[in-house]
């Protein structure tokens, strides 16, 4: 008589990918920072720097907030729409166009 009929085989590492994913989510949550609130003056300075970078084609450091993280990239501004709350940034590393919201920006500086 076979007593293990209908029972699942024991697989000791079957749940590891799920545990790893869950653990990674906890680590990422702990690393999150709240989005900084900018003053009107800081927002005006960012807008001014973006427009200057667009017209002079100068390279900039762009710091923005995304998914609980502060991210800094280097590149060039291709387009700015202050009324539409967006701009297009071409990153230096991959030369990809990134469409972003102005409200995600934290800081913009010339390199």
PDB file of N, CA and C in Angstrom:
ATOM      1  N   UNK A   1       0.844  -1.174   0.000  1.00  0.00           N
ATOM      2  CA  UNK A   1       0.000   0.000   0.000  1.00  0.00           C
ATOM      3  C   UNK A   1       0.894   1.245   0.000  1.00  0.00           C
ATOM      4  N   UNK A   2       0.580   2.180  -0.856  1.00  0.00           N
ATOM      5  CA  UNK A   2       1.375   3.386  -1.005  1.00  0.00           C
ATOM      6  C   UNK A   2       0.721   4.527  -0.233  1.00  0.00           C
ATOM      7  N   UNK A   3       1.372   4.979   0.857  1.00  0.00           N
ATOM      8  CA  UNK A   3       0.788   5.997   1.736  1.00  0.00           C
ATOM      9  C   UNK A   3       1.005   7.426   1.242  1.00  0.00           C
ATOM     10  N   UNK A   4       1.941   7.656   0.319  1.00  0.00           N
ATOM     11  CA  UNK A   4       2.195   9.032  -0.100  1.00  0.00           C
ATOM     12  C   UNK A   4       1.421   9.414  -1.355  1.00  0.00           C
ATOM     13  N   UNK A   5       0.433   8.618  -1.707  1.00  0.00           N
ATOM     14  CA  UNK A   5      -0.384   8.907  -2.872  1.00  0.00           C
ATOM     15  C   UNK A   5      -1.150  10.217  -2.635  1.00  0.00           C
ATOM     16  N   UNK A   6      -1.096  11.127  -3.620  1.00  0.00           N
ATOM     17  CA  UNK A   6      -1.810  12.386  -3.503  1.00  0.00           C
ATOM     18  C   UNK A   6      -1.050  13.449  -2.728  1.00  0.00           C
ATOM     19  N   UNK A   7       0.056  13.085  -2.129  1.00  0.00           N
ATOM     20  CA  UNK A   7       0.842  14.076  -1.391  1.00  0.00           C
ATOM     21  C   UNK A   7       1.896  14.666  -2.316  1.00  0.00           C
ATOM     22  N   UNK A   8       2.206  15.912  -2.109  1.00  0.00           N
ATOM     23  CA  UNK A   8       3.220  16.580  -2.918  1.00  0.00           C
ATOM     24  C   UNK A   8       4.594  16.196  -2.416  1.00  0.00           C
ATOM     25  N   UNK A   9       5.520  16.141  -3.351  1.00  0.00           N
ATOM     26  CA  UNK A   9       6.898  15.868  -2.973  1.00  0.00           C
ATOM     27  C   UNK A   9       7.467  17.089  -2.274  1.00  0.00           C
ATOM     28  N   UNK A  10       8.307  16.855  -1.325  1.00  0.00           N
ATOM     29  CA  UNK A  10       8.959  17.936  -0.595  1.00  0.00           C
ATOM     30  C   UNK A  10      10.090  18.486  -1.445  1.00  0.00           C
ATOM     31  N   UNK A  11      10.048  19.813  -1.684  1.00  0.00           N
ATOM     32  CA  UNK A  11      11.099  20.472  -2.464  1.00  0.00           C
ATOM     33  C   UNK A  11      11.655  21.592  -1.586  1.00  0.00           C
ATOM     34  N   UNK A  12      12.812  21.384  -0.982  1.00  0.00           N
ATOM     35  CA  UNK A  12      13.323  22.306   0.032  1.00  0.00           C
ATOM     36  C   UNK A  12      13.583  23.734  -0.457  1.00  0.00           C
ATOM     37  N   UNK A  13      13.927  23.957  -1.723  1.00  0.00           N
ATOM     38  CA  UNK A  13      14.259  25.305  -2.187  1.00  0.00           C
ATOM     39  C   UNK A  13      13.221  25.875  -3.147  1.00  0.00           C
ATOM     40  N   UNK A  14      12.061  25.274  -3.199  1.00  0.00           N
ATOM     41  CA  UNK A  14      11.034  25.715  -4.140  1.00  0.00           C
ATOM     42  C   UNK A  14      10.542  27.120  -3.845  1.00  0.00           C
ATOM     43  N   UNK A  15      10.545  27.520  -2.592  1.00  0.00           N
ATOM     44  CA  UNK A  15      10.011  28.836  -2.252  1.00  0.00           C
ATOM     45  C   UNK A  15      11.079  29.921  -2.251  1.00  0.00           C
ATOM     46  N   UNK A  16      12.301  29.607  -2.533  1.00  0.00           N
ATOM     47  CA  UNK A  16      13.387  30.587  -2.472  1.00  0.00           C
ATOM     48  C   UNK A  16      13.192  31.798  -3.387  1.00  0.00           C
ATOM     49  N   UNK A  17      12.780  31.637  -4.650  1.00  0.00           N
ATOM     50  CA  UNK A  17      12.613  32.829  -5.487  1.00  0.00           C
ATOM     51  C   UNK A  17      11.596  33.811  -4.901  1.00  0.00           C
ATOM     52  N   UNK A  18      10.501  33.303  -4.364  1.00  0.00           N
ATOM     53  CA  UNK A  18       9.488  34.171  -3.763  1.00  0.00           C
ATOM     54  C   UNK A  18      10.043  34.861  -2.517  1.00  0.00           C
ATOM     55  N   UNK A  19      10.794  34.121  -1.710  1.00  0.00           N
ATOM     56  CA  UNK A  19      11.380  34.709  -0.514  1.00  0.00           C
ATOM     57  C   UNK A  19      12.403  35.781  -0.894  1.00  0.00           C
ATOM     58  N   UNK A  20      13.195  35.515  -1.928  1.00  0.00           N
ATOM     59  CA  UNK A  20      14.190  36.486  -2.377  1.00  0.00           C
ATOM     60  C   UNK A  20      13.493  37.762  -2.864  1.00  0.00           C
ATOM     61  N   UNK A  21      12.434  37.598  -3.645  1.00  0.00           N
ATOM     62  CA  UNK A  21      11.680  38.750  -4.153  1.00  0.00           C
ATOM     63  C   UNK A  21      11.098  39.544  -2.997  1.00  0.00           C
ATOM     64  N   UNK A  22      10.506  38.884  -2.044  1.00  0.00           N
ATOM     65  CA  UNK A  22       9.928  39.561  -0.884  1.00  0.00           C
ATOM     66  C   UNK A  22      10.980  40.282  -0.071  1.00  0.00           C
ATOM     67  N   UNK A  23      12.112  39.646   0.127  1.00  0.00           N
ATOM     68  CA  UNK A  23      13.205  40.265   0.877  1.00  0.00           C
ATOM     69  C   UNK A  23      13.737  41.497   0.137  1.00  0.00           C
ATOM     70  N   UNK A  24      13.861  41.399  -1.180  1.00  0.00           N
ATOM     71  CA  UNK A  24      14.341  42.526  -1.980  1.00  0.00           C
ATOM     72  C   UNK A  24      13.366  43.705  -1.879  1.00  0.00           C
ATOM     73  N   UNK A  25      12.069  43.438  -1.857  1.00  0.00           N
ATOM     74  CA  UNK A  25      11.065  44.495  -1.705  1.00  0.00           C
ATOM     75  C   UNK A  25      11.211  45.195  -0.355  1.00  0.00           C
ATOM     76  N   UNK A  26      11.455  44.434   0.710  1.00  0.00           N
ATOM     77  CA  UNK A  26      11.642  45.014   2.043  1.00  0.00           C
ATOM     78  C   UNK A  26      12.883  45.908   2.058  1.00  0.00           C
ATOM     79  N   UNK A  27      13.965  45.438   1.465  1.00  0.00           N
ATOM     80  CA  UNK A  27      15.203  46.222   1.411  1.00  0.00           C
ATOM     81  C   UNK A  27      14.977  47.511   0.629  1.00  0.00           C
ATOM     82  N   UNK A  28      14.294  47.419  -0.504  1.00  0.00           N
ATOM     83  CA  UNK A  28      14.019  48.605  -1.315  1.00  0.00           C
ATOM     84  C   UNK A  28      13.142  49.599  -0.560  1.00  0.00           C
ATOM     85  N   UNK A  29      12.155  49.112   0.172  1.00  0.00           N
ATOM     86  CA  UNK A  29      11.275  49.995   0.949  1.00  0.00           C
ATOM     87  C   UNK A  29      12.071  50.749   2.009  1.00  0.00           C
ATOM     88  N   UNK A  30      13.024  50.085   2.642  1.00  0.00           N
ATOM     89  CA  UNK A  30      13.829  50.721   3.680  1.00  0.00           C
ATOM     90  C   UNK A  30      14.748  51.786   3.099  1.00  0.00           C
ATOM     91  N   UNK A  31      15.129  51.634   1.835  1.00  0.00           N
ATOM     92  CA  UNK A  31      16.026  52.598   1.194  1.00  0.00           C
ATOM     93  C   UNK A  31      15.284  53.804   0.634  1.00  0.00           C
ATOM     94  N   UNK A  32      13.960  53.758   0.626  1.00  0.00           N
ATOM     95  CA  UNK A  32      13.181  54.861   0.071  1.00  0.00           C
ATOM     96  C   UNK A  32      13.312  56.124   0.905  1.00  0.00           C
ATOM     97  N   UNK A  33      13.307  57.244   0.206  1.00  0.00           N
ATOM     98  CA  UNK A  33      13.319  58.544   0.857  1.00  0.00           C
ATOM     99  C   UNK A  33      12.094  59.316   0.370  1.00  0.00           C
ATOM    100  N   UNK A  34      11.546  60.195   1.210  1.00  0.00           N
ATOM    101  CA  UNK A  34      10.393  60.979   0.760  1.00  0.00           C
ATOM    102  C   UNK A  34      10.834  62.018  -0.285  1.00  0.00           C
ATOM    103  N   UNK A  35       9.914  62.369  -1.166  1.00  0.00           N
ATOM    104  CA  UNK A  35      10.229  63.374  -2.177  1.00  0.00           C
ATOM    105  C   UNK A  35      10.381  64.737  -1.514  1.00  0.00           C
ATOM    106  N   UNK A  36      11.520  65.399  -1.743  1.00  0.00           N
ATOM    107  CA  UNK A  36      11.733  66.713  -1.131  1.00  0.00           C
ATOM    108  C   UNK A  36      10.748  67.738  -1.699  1.00  0.00           C
ATOM    109  N   UNK A  37      10.301  68.636  -0.850  1.00  0.00           N
ATOM    110  CA  UNK A  37       9.446  69.727  -1.289  1.00  0.00           C
ATOM    111  C   UNK A  37      10.331  70.929  -1.594  1.00  0.00           C
ATOM    112  N   UNK A  38      10.180  71.481  -2.791  1.00  0.00           N
ATOM    113  CA  UNK A  38      11.000  72.607  -3.203  1.00  0.00           C
ATOM    114  C   UNK A  38      10.255  73.916  -2.982  1.00  0.00           C
ATOM    115  N   UNK A  39      11.019  74.949  -2.680  1.00  0.00           N
ATOM    116  CA  UNK A  39      10.426  76.282  -2.536  1.00  0.00           C
ATOM    117  C   UNK A  39      10.158  76.845  -3.937  1.00  0.00           C
ATOM    118  N   UNK A  40       9.364  77.885  -4.001  1.00  0.00           N
ATOM    119  CA  UNK A  40       9.086  78.555  -5.273  1.00  0.00           C
ATOM    120  C   UNK A  40      10.385  79.039  -5.918  1.00  0.00           C
ATOM    121  N   UNK A  41      11.286  79.567  -5.086  1.00  0.00           N
ATOM    122  CA  UNK A  41      12.578  80.059  -5.577  1.00  0.00           C
ATOM    123  C   UNK A  41      13.415  78.933  -6.183  1.00  0.00           C
ATOM    124  N   UNK A  42      13.432  77.768  -5.526  1.00  0.00           N
ATOM    125  CA  UNK A  42      14.189  76.621  -6.047  1.00  0.00           C
ATOM    126  C   UNK A  42      13.609  76.156  -7.387  1.00  0.00           C
ATOM    127  N   UNK A  43      12.277  76.141  -7.492  1.00  0.00           N
ATOM    128  CA  UNK A  43      11.641  75.722  -8.741  1.00  0.00           C
ATOM    129  C   UNK A  43      11.951  76.706  -9.870  1.00  0.00           C
ATOM    130  N   UNK A  44      11.955  77.996  -9.559  1.00  0.00           N
ATOM    131  CA  UNK A  44      12.295  79.005 -10.561  1.00  0.00           C
ATOM    132  C   UNK A  44      13.739  78.851 -11.016  1.00  0.00           C
ATOM    133  N   UNK A  45      14.644  78.588 -10.078  1.00  0.00           N
ATOM    134  CA  UNK A  45      16.051  78.399 -10.420  1.00  0.00           C
ATOM    135  C   UNK A  45      16.233  77.174 -11.308  1.00  0.00           C
ATOM    136  N   UNK A  46      15.544  76.098 -11.005  1.00  0.00           N
ATOM    137  CA  UNK A  46      15.610  74.884 -11.835  1.00  0.00           C
ATOM    138  C   UNK A  46      15.124  75.191 -13.243  1.00  0.00           C
ATOM    139  N   UNK A  47      13.991  75.888 -13.350  1.00  0.00           N
ATOM    140  CA  UNK A  47      13.436  76.232 -14.655  1.00  0.00           C
ATOM    141  C   UNK A  47      14.414  77.110 -15.440  1.00  0.00           C
ATOM    142  N   UNK A  48      15.002  78.107 -14.777  1.00  0.00           N
ATOM    143  CA  UNK A  48      15.969  78.996 -15.419  1.00  0.00           C
ATOM    144  C   UNK A  48      17.179  78.205 -15.928  1.00  0.00           C
ATOM    145  N   UNK A  49      17.692  77.303 -15.110  1.00  0.00           N
ATOM    146  CA  UNK A  49      18.854  76.495 -15.488  1.00  0.00           C
ATOM    147  C   UNK A  49      18.514  75.572 -16.656  1.00  0.00           C
ATOM    148  N   UNK A  50      17.318  74.986 -16.652  1.00  0.00           N
ATOM    149  CA  UNK A  50      16.893  74.124 -17.760  1.00  0.00           C
ATOM    150  C   UNK A  50      16.850  74.903 -19.070  1.00  0.00           C
ATOM    151  N   UNK A  51      16.255  76.092 -19.029  1.00  0.00           N
ATOM    152  CA  UNK A  51      16.145  76.914 -20.236  1.00  0.00           C
ATOM    153  C   UNK A  51      17.534  77.312 -20.735  1.00  0.00           C
ATOM    154  N   UNK A  52      18.409  77.709 -19.818  1.00  0.00           N
ATOM    155  CA  UNK A  52      19.781  78.073 -20.208  1.00  0.00           C
ATOM    156  C   UNK A  52      20.506  76.873 -20.811  1.00  0.00           C
ATOM    157  N   UNK A  53      20.365  75.704 -20.191  1.00  0.00           N
ATOM    158  CA  UNK A  53      21.013  74.494 -20.708  1.00  0.00           C
ATOM    159  C   UNK A  53      20.476  74.135 -22.089  1.00  0.00           C
ATOM    160  N   UNK A  54      19.184  74.362 -22.310  1.00  0.00           N
ATOM    161  CA  UNK A  54      18.574  74.079 -23.610  1.00  0.00           C
ATOM    162  C   UNK A  54      19.163  74.988 -24.687  1.00  0.00           C
ATOM    163  N   UNK A  55      19.262  76.284 -24.392  1.00  0.00           N
ATOM    164  CA  UNK A  55      19.710  77.255 -25.393  1.00  0.00           C
ATOM    165  C   UNK A  55      21.218  77.241 -25.623  1.00  0.00           C
ATOM    166  N   UNK A  56      21.991  76.862 -24.625  1.00  0.00           N
ATOM    167  CA  UNK A  56      23.453  76.853 -24.770  1.00  0.00           C
ATOM    168  C   UNK A  56      23.998  75.461 -25.077  1.00  0.00           C
ATOM    169  N   UNK A  57      23.128  74.455 -24.970  1.00  0.00           N
ATOM    170  CA  UNK A  57      23.509  73.054 -25.167  1.00  0.00           C
ATOM    171  C   UNK A  57      24.641  72.640 -24.223  1.00  0.00           C
ATOM    172  N   UNK A  58      24.626  73.182 -23.009  1.00  0.00           N
ATOM    173  CA  UNK A  58      25.610  72.810 -21.991  1.00  0.00           C
ATOM    174  C   UNK A  58      25.164  71.529 -21.291  1.00  0.00           C
ATOM    175  N   UNK A  59      26.128  70.738 -20.896  1.00  0.00           N
ATOM    176  CA  UNK A  59      25.859  69.500 -20.167  1.00  0.00           C
ATOM    177  C   UNK A  59      25.478  69.838 -18.723  1.00  0.00           C
ATOM    178  N   UNK A  60      24.548  69.056 -18.172  1.00  0.00           N
ATOM    179  CA  UNK A  60      24.081  69.299 -16.807  1.00  0.00           C
ATOM    180  C   UNK A  60      24.061  68.015 -15.987  1.00  0.00           C
ATOM    181  N   UNK A  61      24.071  68.220 -14.655  1.00  0.00           N
ATOM    182  CA  UNK A  61      23.738  67.153 -13.703  1.00  0.00           C
ATOM    183  C   UNK A  61      22.268  67.348 -13.386  1.00  0.00           C
ATOM    184  N   UNK A  62      21.511  66.313 -13.525  1.00  0.00           N
ATOM    185  CA  UNK A  62      20.075  66.361 -13.298  1.00  0.00           C
ATOM    186  C   UNK A  62      19.746  65.405 -12.163  1.00  0.00           C
ATOM    187  N   UNK A  63      19.175  65.910 -11.082  1.00  0.00           N
ATOM    188  CA  UNK A  63      18.774  65.051  -9.963  1.00  0.00           C
ATOM    189  C   UNK A  63      17.259  65.057  -9.903  1.00  0.00           C
ATOM    190  N   UNK A  64      16.682  63.863  -9.921  1.00  0.00           N
ATOM    191  CA  UNK A  64      15.229  63.749  -9.897  1.00  0.00           C
ATOM    192  C   UNK A  64      14.799  62.652  -8.929  1.00  0.00           C
ATOM    193  N   UNK A  65      13.510  62.660  -8.626  1.00  0.00           N
ATOM    194  CA  UNK A  65      12.931  61.717  -7.676  1.00  0.00           C
ATOM    195  C   UNK A  65      12.081  60.711  -8.445  1.00  0.00           C
ATOM    196  N   UNK A  66      12.338  59.421  -8.216  1.00  0.00           N
ATOM    197  CA  UNK A  66      11.555  58.382  -8.887  1.00  0.00           C
ATOM    198  C   UNK A  66      11.513  57.134  -8.011  1.00  0.00           C
ATOM    199  N   UNK A  67      10.331  56.645  -7.758  1.00  0.00           N
ATOM    200  CA  UNK A  67      10.136  55.408  -6.991  1.00  0.00           C
ATOM    201  C   UNK A  67      10.867  55.417  -5.649  1.00  0.00           C
ATOM    202  N   UNK A  68      10.778  56.529  -4.935  1.00  0.00           N
ATOM    203  CA  UNK A  68      11.372  56.610  -3.612  1.00  0.00           C
ATOM    204  C   UNK A  68      12.874  56.806  -3.600  1.00  0.00           C
ATOM    205  N   UNK A  69      13.465  57.106  -4.738  1.00  0.00           N
ATOM    206  CA  UNK A  69      14.913  57.245  -4.820  1.00  0.00           C
ATOM    207  C   UNK A  69      15.286  58.594  -5.442  1.00  0.00           C
ATOM    208  N   UNK A  70      16.429  59.108  -5.035  1.00  0.00           N
ATOM    209  CA  UNK A  70      17.024  60.292  -5.669  1.00  0.00           C
ATOM    210  C   UNK A  70      18.019  59.777  -6.696  1.00  0.00           C
ATOM    211  N   UNK A  71      17.842  60.172  -7.947  1.00  0.00           N
ATOM    212  CA  UNK A  71      18.693  59.688  -9.029  1.00  0.00           C
ATOM    213  C   UNK A  71      19.367  60.887  -9.692  1.00  0.00           C
ATOM    214  N   UNK A  72      20.674  60.784  -9.925  1.00  0.00           N
ATOM    215  CA  UNK A  72      21.413  61.850 -10.608  1.00  0.00           C
ATOM    216  C   UNK A  72      22.005  61.294 -11.895  1.00  0.00           C
ATOM    217  N   UNK A  73      21.781  62.014 -12.974  1.00  0.00           N
ATOM    218  CA  UNK A  73      22.317  61.639 -14.278  1.00  0.00           C
ATOM    219  C   UNK A  73      22.966  62.850 -14.920  1.00  0.00           C
ATOM    220  N   UNK A  74      23.812  62.600 -15.894  1.00  0.00           N
ATOM    221  CA  UNK A  74      24.477  63.652 -16.642  1.00  0.00           C
ATOM    222  C   UNK A  74      23.986  63.592 -18.079  1.00  0.00           C
ATOM    223  N   UNK A  75      23.744  64.767 -18.666  1.00  0.00           N
ATOM    224  CA  UNK A  75      23.303  64.776 -20.049  1.00  0.00           C
ATOM    225  C   UNK A  75      22.923  66.160 -20.530  1.00  0.00           C
ATOM    226  N   UNK A  76      22.023  66.194 -21.513  1.00  0.00           N
ATOM    227  CA  UNK A  76      21.641  67.430 -22.171  1.00  0.00           C
ATOM    228  C   UNK A  76      20.121  67.568 -22.228  1.00  0.00           C
ATOM    229  N   UNK A  77      19.657  68.815 -22.148  1.00  0.00           N
ATOM    230  CA  UNK A  77      18.230  69.101 -22.258  1.00  0.00           C
ATOM    231  C   UNK A  77      17.906  69.309 -23.735  1.00  0.00           C
ATOM    232  N   UNK A  78      16.846  68.651 -24.219  1.00  0.00           N
ATOM    233  CA  UNK A  78      16.465  68.790 -25.608  1.00  0.00           C
ATOM    234  C   UNK A  78      15.190  69.620 -25.769  1.00  0.00           C
ATOM    235  N   UNK A  79      14.309  69.590 -24.744  1.00  0.00           N
ATOM    236  CA  UNK A  79      13.021  70.259 -24.862  1.00  0.00           C
ATOM    237  C   UNK A  79      12.496  70.569 -23.472  1.00  0.00           C
ATOM    238  N   UNK A  80      11.881  71.744 -23.309  1.00  0.00           N
ATOM    239  CA  UNK A  80      11.269  72.123 -22.037  1.00  0.00           C
ATOM    240  C   UNK A  80       9.897  72.703 -22.313  1.00  0.00           C
ATOM    241  N   UNK A  81       8.876  72.202 -21.609  1.00  0.00           N
ATOM    242  CA  UNK A  81       7.518  72.735 -21.685  1.00  0.00           C
ATOM    243  C   UNK A  81       7.057  73.015 -20.262  1.00  0.00           C
ATOM    244  N   UNK A  82       7.278  74.248 -19.805  1.00  0.00           N
ATOM    245  CA  UNK A  82       6.935  74.614 -18.426  1.00  0.00           C
ATOM    246  C   UNK A  82       5.440  74.493 -18.164  1.00  0.00           C
ATOM    247  N   UNK A  83       4.631  74.898 -19.120  1.00  0.00           N
ATOM    248  CA  UNK A  83       3.174  74.833 -18.932  1.00  0.00           C
ATOM    249  C   UNK A  83       2.675  73.393 -18.913  1.00  0.00           C
ATOM    250  N   UNK A  84       3.287  72.539 -19.706  1.00  0.00           N
ATOM    251  CA  UNK A  84       2.889  71.129 -19.759  1.00  0.00           C
ATOM    252  C   UNK A  84       3.573  70.268 -18.720  1.00  0.00           C
ATOM    253  N   UNK A  85       4.421  70.883 -17.880  1.00  0.00           N
ATOM    254  CA  UNK A  85       5.119  70.186 -16.803  1.00  0.00           C
ATOM    255  C   UNK A  85       5.969  69.020 -17.312  1.00  0.00           C
ATOM    256  N   UNK A  86       6.671  69.223 -18.441  1.00  0.00           N
ATOM    257  CA  UNK A  86       7.531  68.145 -18.905  1.00  0.00           C
ATOM    258  C   UNK A  86       8.760  68.697 -19.614  1.00  0.00           C
ATOM    259  N   UNK A  87       9.763  67.835 -19.727  1.00  0.00           N
ATOM    260  CA  UNK A  87      10.980  68.156 -20.465  1.00  0.00           C
ATOM    261  C   UNK A  87      11.564  66.861 -21.006  1.00  0.00           C
ATOM    262  N   UNK A  88      12.454  67.011 -21.988  1.00  0.00           N
ATOM    263  CA  UNK A  88      13.127  65.847 -22.562  1.00  0.00           C
ATOM    264  C   UNK A  88      14.615  65.996 -22.300  1.00  0.00           C
ATOM    265  N   UNK A  89      15.177  64.944 -21.743  1.00  0.00           N
ATOM    266  CA  UNK A  89      16.571  64.893 -21.308  1.00  0.00           C
ATOM    267  C   UNK A  89      17.258  63.754 -22.051  1.00  0.00           C
ATOM    268  N   UNK A  90      18.422  64.018 -22.633  1.00  0.00           N
ATOM    269  CA  UNK A  90      19.199  62.966 -23.296  1.00  0.00           C
ATOM    270  C   UNK A  90      20.366  62.617 -22.384  1.00  0.00           C
ATOM    271  N   UNK A  91      20.353  61.380 -21.871  1.00  0.00           N
ATOM    272  CA  UNK A  91      21.402  60.999 -20.927  1.00  0.00           C
ATOM    273  C   UNK A  91      22.725  60.764 -21.662  1.00  0.00           C
ATOM    274  N   UNK A  92      23.808  61.054 -20.956  1.00  0.00           N
ATOM    275  CA  UNK A  92      25.141  60.983 -21.536  1.00  0.00           C
ATOM    276  C   UNK A  92      25.586  59.543 -21.797  1.00  0.00           C
ATOM    277  N   UNK A  93      25.200  58.621 -20.951  1.00  0.00           N
ATOM    278  CA  UNK A  93      25.701  57.248 -21.030  1.00  0.00           C
ATOM    279  C   UNK A  93      25.140  56.496 -22.237  1.00  0.00           C
ATOM    280  N   UNK A  94      23.809  56.448 -22.349  1.00  0.00           N
ATOM    281  CA  UNK A  94      23.182  55.663 -23.412  1.00  0.00           C
ATOM    282  C   UNK A  94      22.650  56.525 -24.557  1.00  0.00           C
ATOM    283  N   UNK A  95      22.700  57.849 -24.372  1.00  0.00           N
ATOM    284  CA  UNK A  95      22.177  58.800 -25.345  1.00  0.00           C
ATOM    285  C   UNK A  95      20.715  58.520 -25.683  1.00  0.00           C
ATOM    286  N   UNK A  96      19.955  58.163 -24.660  1.00  0.00           N
ATOM    287  CA  UNK A  96      18.525  57.901 -24.829  1.00  0.00           C
ATOM    288  C   UNK A  96      17.720  59.130 -24.439  1.00  0.00           C
ATOM    289  N   UNK A  97      16.600  59.336 -25.130  1.00  0.00           N
ATOM    290  CA  UNK A  97      15.695  60.427 -24.777  1.00  0.00           C
ATOM    291  C   UNK A  97      14.817  59.976 -23.618  1.00  0.00           C
ATOM    292  N   UNK A  98      14.758  60.796 -22.587  1.00  0.00           N
ATOM    293  CA  UNK A  98      13.934  60.509 -21.420  1.00  0.00           C
ATOM    294  C   UNK A  98      12.929  61.638 -21.257  1.00  0.00           C
ATOM    295  N   UNK A  99      11.655  61.323 -21.374  1.00  0.00           N
ATOM    296  CA  UNK A  99      10.610  62.317 -21.143  1.00  0.00           C
ATOM    297  C   UNK A  99      10.275  62.284 -19.662  1.00  0.00           C
ATOM    298  N   UNK A 100      10.370  63.448 -19.002  1.00  0.00           N
ATOM    299  CA  UNK A 100      10.151  63.501 -17.555  1.00  0.00           C
ATOM    300  C   UNK A 100       9.262  64.676 -17.193  1.00  0.00           C
ATOM    301  N   UNK A 101       8.702  64.586 -15.995  1.00  0.00           N
ATOM    302  CA  UNK A 101       7.904  65.688 -15.461  1.00  0.00           C
ATOM    303  C   UNK A 101       8.820  66.665 -14.726  1.00  0.00           C
ATOM    304  N   UNK A 102       8.539  67.937 -14.891  1.00  0.00           N
ATOM    305  CA  UNK A 102       9.310  68.952 -14.165  1.00  0.00           C
ATOM    306  C   UNK A 102       9.141  68.778 -12.665  1.00  0.00           C
ATOM    307  N   UNK A 103       7.980  68.293 -12.246  1.00  0.00           N
ATOM    308  CA  UNK A 103       7.709  68.125 -10.819  1.00  0.00           C
ATOM    309  C   UNK A 103       8.560  67.029 -10.177  1.00  0.00           C
ATOM    310  N   UNK A 104       9.205  66.175 -10.970  1.00  0.00           N
ATOM    311  CA  UNK A 104      10.087  65.131 -10.434  1.00  0.00           C
ATOM    312  C   UNK A 104      11.492  65.656 -10.142  1.00  0.00           C
ATOM    313  N   UNK A 105      11.815  66.845 -10.684  1.00  0.00           N
ATOM    314  CA  UNK A 105      13.160  67.390 -10.513  1.00  0.00           C
ATOM    315  C   UNK A 105      13.413  67.847  -9.091  1.00  0.00           C
ATOM    316  N   UNK A 106      14.620  67.589  -8.632  1.00  0.00           N
ATOM    317  CA  UNK A 106      15.058  68.040  -7.319  1.00  0.00           C
ATOM    318  C   UNK A 106      16.134  69.118  -7.481  1.00  0.00           C
ATOM    319  N   UNK A 107      17.039  68.904  -8.467  1.00  0.00           N
ATOM    320  CA  UNK A 107      18.130  69.840  -8.657  1.00  0.00           C
ATOM    321  C   UNK A 107      18.668  69.731 -10.078  1.00  0.00           C
ATOM    322  N   UNK A 108      19.141  70.861 -10.614  1.00  0.00           N
ATOM    323  CA  UNK A 108      19.778  70.892 -11.923  1.00  0.00           C
ATOM    324  C   UNK A 108      20.995  71.811 -11.795  1.00  0.00           C
ATOM    325  N   UNK A 109      22.165  71.288 -12.199  1.00  0.00           N
ATOM    326  CA  UNK A 109      23.402  72.073 -12.122  1.00  0.00           C
ATOM    327  C   UNK A 109      24.229  71.815 -13.382  1.00  0.00           C
ATOM    328  N   UNK A 110      25.011  72.823 -13.750  1.00  0.00           N
ATOM    329  CA  UNK A 110      25.921  72.644 -14.868  1.00  0.00           C
ATOM    330  C   UNK A 110      27.123  71.819 -14.418  1.00  0.00           C
ATOM    331  N   UNK A 111      27.635  71.001 -15.333  1.00  0.00           N
ATOM    332  CA  UNK A 111      28.772  70.140 -15.008  1.00  0.00           C
ATOM    333  C   UNK A 111      30.057  70.942 -14.956  1.00  0.00           C
TER     334      UNK A 111
END
